Amino acid sequence: MTGRPLSLLDQIDHTDGLCGPFALAAQALLGGELRILWCADRRQFAQHDWPPSEPLALHVYMVDGDGTAVDAEGRRSEADLREAFGVAPGYRYRIEIASPARVGEVFRAALDTALVDEAAQLIREAGWDEGVPEATGELAERWAEARALQKARALAEADPAP
């Protein structure tokens, strides 16, 4: 049996800002190796308006025992994950095998145990301990909608109804 995919909002939250807590929770619950994807190509630095002299971590994720990348979108090949994070064919990149402490150094949100606990709860509720679903590419296809959901949530949290 395989667990269910996360909601679109949970996918964007945990691949764009909260990937550190998610990766730590996934490793703790599912086992596997933590990896950080680093930008190493001037073209991609330019896309992010980032100085090439400064390190740019694109994503942290877990690799399971089969060598498959796991993040909030589900299971996929590392090549598919790199492409989802803008590493086009022919672009240079670097993969760092990381400890949980290193993940916390690079992705500061991973130091927040409450965020790690929330990610762990999300993983358990989705049934990923029974099997991680395959990534479908839904987030890439519905990126604008996912961003709109984040914005609506932020506005509601900033101005709660009386």
Protein backbone atom coordinates (compact mmCIF):
# COMPACT_ATOMS: atom_id res chain seq x y z
CA MET A 1 0.00 0.00 0.00
CA THR A 2 1.20 3.48 -0.82
CA GLY A 3 0.37 6.67 1.04
CA ARG A 4 -1.48 9.56 -0.53
CA PRO A 5 0.10 12.65 -2.11
CA LEU A 6 0.26 15.78 0.02
CA SER A 7 -2.05 18.68 -0.74
CA LEU A 8 -0.85 21.28 -3.22
CA LEU A 9 -0.37 23.78 -0.38
CA ASP A 10 1.65 21.30 1.68
CA GLN A 11 3.79 20.48 -1.36
CA ILE A 12 4.71 24.09 -2.06
CA ASP A 13 5.27 24.89 1.62
CA HIS A 14 7.62 21.95 2.07
CA THR A 15 9.56 22.33 -1.17
CA ASP A 16 9.87 26.10 -1.09
CA GLY A 17 10.91 27.25 2.36
CA LEU A 18 10.29 24.29 4.63
CA CYS A 19 12.24 21.61 2.78
CA GLY A 20 14.73 21.37 5.68
CA PRO A 21 12.22 20.37 8.35
CA PHE A 22 10.50 18.04 5.86
CA ALA A 23 13.74 16.28 4.90
CA LEU A 24 14.72 15.80 8.55
CA ALA A 25 11.28 14.40 9.40
CA ALA A 26 11.31 12.09 6.36
CA GLN A 27 14.73 10.75 7.26
CA ALA A 28 13.72 10.18 10.89
CA LEU A 29 10.53 8.33 9.91
CA LEU A 30 11.53 6.57 6.71
CA GLY A 31 15.32 6.23 6.89
CA GLY A 32 17.59 7.26 4.08
CA GLU A 33 20.34 9.74 3.32
CA LEU A 34 20.01 13.53 3.35
CA ARG A 35 21.28 15.41 0.31
CA ILE A 36 21.58 19.09 -0.50
CA LEU A 37 21.32 20.30 -4.10
CA TRP A 38 23.65 23.27 -4.72
CA CYS A 39 23.65 25.62 -7.68
CA ALA A 40 26.97 25.55 -9.55
CA ASP A 41 26.07 27.12 -12.91
CA ARG A 42 26.29 30.82 -13.76
CA ARG A 43 23.09 30.63 -15.82
CA GLN A 44 21.11 29.42 -12.83
CA PHE A 45 22.73 31.96 -10.49
CA ALA A 46 21.51 34.62 -12.94
CA GLN A 47 17.97 33.18 -12.91
CA HIS A 48 17.92 33.57 -9.12
CA ASP A 49 19.58 37.01 -9.27
CA TRP A 50 22.25 35.55 -6.97
CA PRO A 51 25.95 36.41 -6.97
CA PRO A 52 27.98 33.40 -8.21
CA SER A 53 30.51 34.03 -5.44
CA GLU A 54 27.88 33.17 -2.78
CA PRO A 55 26.72 29.57 -2.21
CA LEU A 56 23.13 28.90 -3.28
CA ALA A 57 21.42 25.85 -1.82
CA LEU A 58 18.44 24.99 -3.99
CA HIS A 59 16.85 22.14 -2.01
CA VAL A 60 17.39 19.46 0.61
CA TYR A 61 15.78 16.05 0.25
CA MET A 62 16.17 12.45 1.30
CA VAL A 63 17.27 9.51 -0.81
CA ASP A 64 15.72 6.17 0.12
CA GLY A 65 17.34 2.75 0.06
CA ASP A 66 16.48 2.33 -3.63
CA GLY A 67 18.35 5.53 -4.54
CA THR A 68 15.12 7.43 -5.19
CA ALA A 69 14.79 11.06 -4.14
CA VAL A 70 11.98 11.82 -1.67
CA ASP A 71 10.61 15.26 -0.88
CA ALA A 72 7.15 16.73 -0.29
CA GLU A 73 6.13 15.99 -3.87
CA GLY A 74 6.80 12.26 -3.42
CA ARG A 75 9.32 9.83 -4.93
CA ARG A 76 11.20 10.59 -8.15
CA SER A 77 14.58 10.19 -9.72
CA GLU A 78 17.29 12.63 -8.71
CA ALA A 79 17.41 13.80 -12.34
CA ASP A 80 13.69 14.67 -12.20
CA LEU A 81 14.19 16.44 -8.85
CA ARG A 82 17.10 18.50 -10.23
CA GLU A 83 15.01 19.52 -13.23
CA ALA A 84 12.13 20.55 -10.93
CA PHE A 85 14.55 22.88 -9.14
CA GLY A 86 15.76 24.53 -12.31
CA VAL A 87 18.87 22.48 -13.03
CA ALA A 88 18.42 22.20 -16.78
CA PRO A 89 20.24 19.54 -18.80
CA GLY A 90 23.83 20.67 -19.22
CA TYR A 91 23.77 22.91 -16.13
CA ARG A 92 26.38 22.29 -13.47
CA TYR A 93 25.28 21.44 -9.95
CA ARG A 94 26.68 19.88 -6.80
CA ILE A 95 25.14 17.29 -4.47
CA GLU A 96 26.26 17.22 -0.84
CA ILE A 97 25.55 14.22 1.37
CA ALA A 98 24.56 15.93 4.61
CA SER A 99 24.08 15.20 8.28
CA PRO A 100 21.03 16.59 10.10
CA ALA A 101 23.33 19.17 11.72
CA ARG A 102 24.57 20.30 8.30
CA VAL A 103 21.00 20.60 7.06
CA GLY A 104 20.31 22.90 10.02
CA GLU A 105 23.34 25.04 9.15
CA VAL A 106 22.18 25.54 5.57
CA PHE A 107 18.40 25.55 6.03
CA ARG A 108 17.76 27.40 9.28
CA ALA A 109 14.08 26.36 9.47
CA ALA A 110 15.32 22.80 10.06
CA LEU A 111 16.52 23.93 13.50
CA ASP A 112 12.91 24.58 14.55
CA THR A 113 11.83 21.31 16.19
CA ALA A 114 8.16 22.34 16.03
CA LEU A 115 8.41 22.59 12.22
CA VAL A 116 10.13 19.19 12.05
CA ASP A 117 7.40 17.71 14.25
CA GLU A 118 4.69 19.25 12.04
CA ALA A 119 6.34 17.76 8.95
CA ALA A 120 6.55 14.37 10.65
CA GLN A 121 2.85 14.53 11.48
CA LEU A 122 2.06 15.41 7.86
CA ILE A 123 4.10 12.42 6.63
CA ARG A 124 2.38 10.06 9.08
CA GLU A 125 -1.11 11.36 8.28
CA ALA A 126 -0.46 10.88 4.55
CA GLY A 127 0.48 7.25 5.20
CA TRP A 128 3.98 7.56 3.80
CA ASP A 129 5.21 5.01 6.35
CA GLU A 130 3.28 2.51 4.18
CA GLY A 131 4.94 3.79 1.01
CA VAL A 132 5.80 7.15 -0.51
CA PRO A 133 3.71 7.97 -3.59
CA GLU A 134 5.33 8.85 -6.89
CA ALA A 135 5.72 12.56 -7.63
CA THR A 136 3.24 13.57 -10.31
CA GLY A 137 4.52 16.98 -11.35
CA GLU A 138 1.25 18.54 -10.17
CA LEU A 139 3.07 21.30 -8.28
CA ALA A 140 4.95 22.45 -11.39
CA GLU A 141 1.74 22.37 -13.43
CA ARG A 142 -0.23 24.32 -10.81
CA TRP A 143 2.54 26.60 -9.46
CA ALA A 144 0.56 29.84 -9.83
CA GLU A 145 -2.43 28.31 -8.06
CA ALA A 146 -0.19 27.04 -5.24
CA ARG A 147 1.33 30.51 -4.79
CA ALA A 148 -2.18 32.02 -4.70
CA LEU A 149 -3.15 29.55 -1.96
CA GLN A 150 -0.09 30.57 0.07
CA LYS A 151 -0.93 34.25 -0.37
CA ALA A 152 -4.56 33.76 0.64
CA ARG A 153 -3.49 31.86 3.76
CA ALA A 154 -0.97 34.57 4.69
CA LEU A 155 -3.62 37.28 4.28
CA ALA A 156 -6.10 35.33 6.41
CA GLU A 157 -3.51 34.81 9.13
CA ALA A 158 -2.52 38.49 9.08
CA ASP A 159 -6.10 39.74 9.32
CA PRO A 160 -8.21 37.13 11.14
CA ALA A 161 -11.96 37.54 10.95
CA PRO A 162 -13.59 38.91 14.14
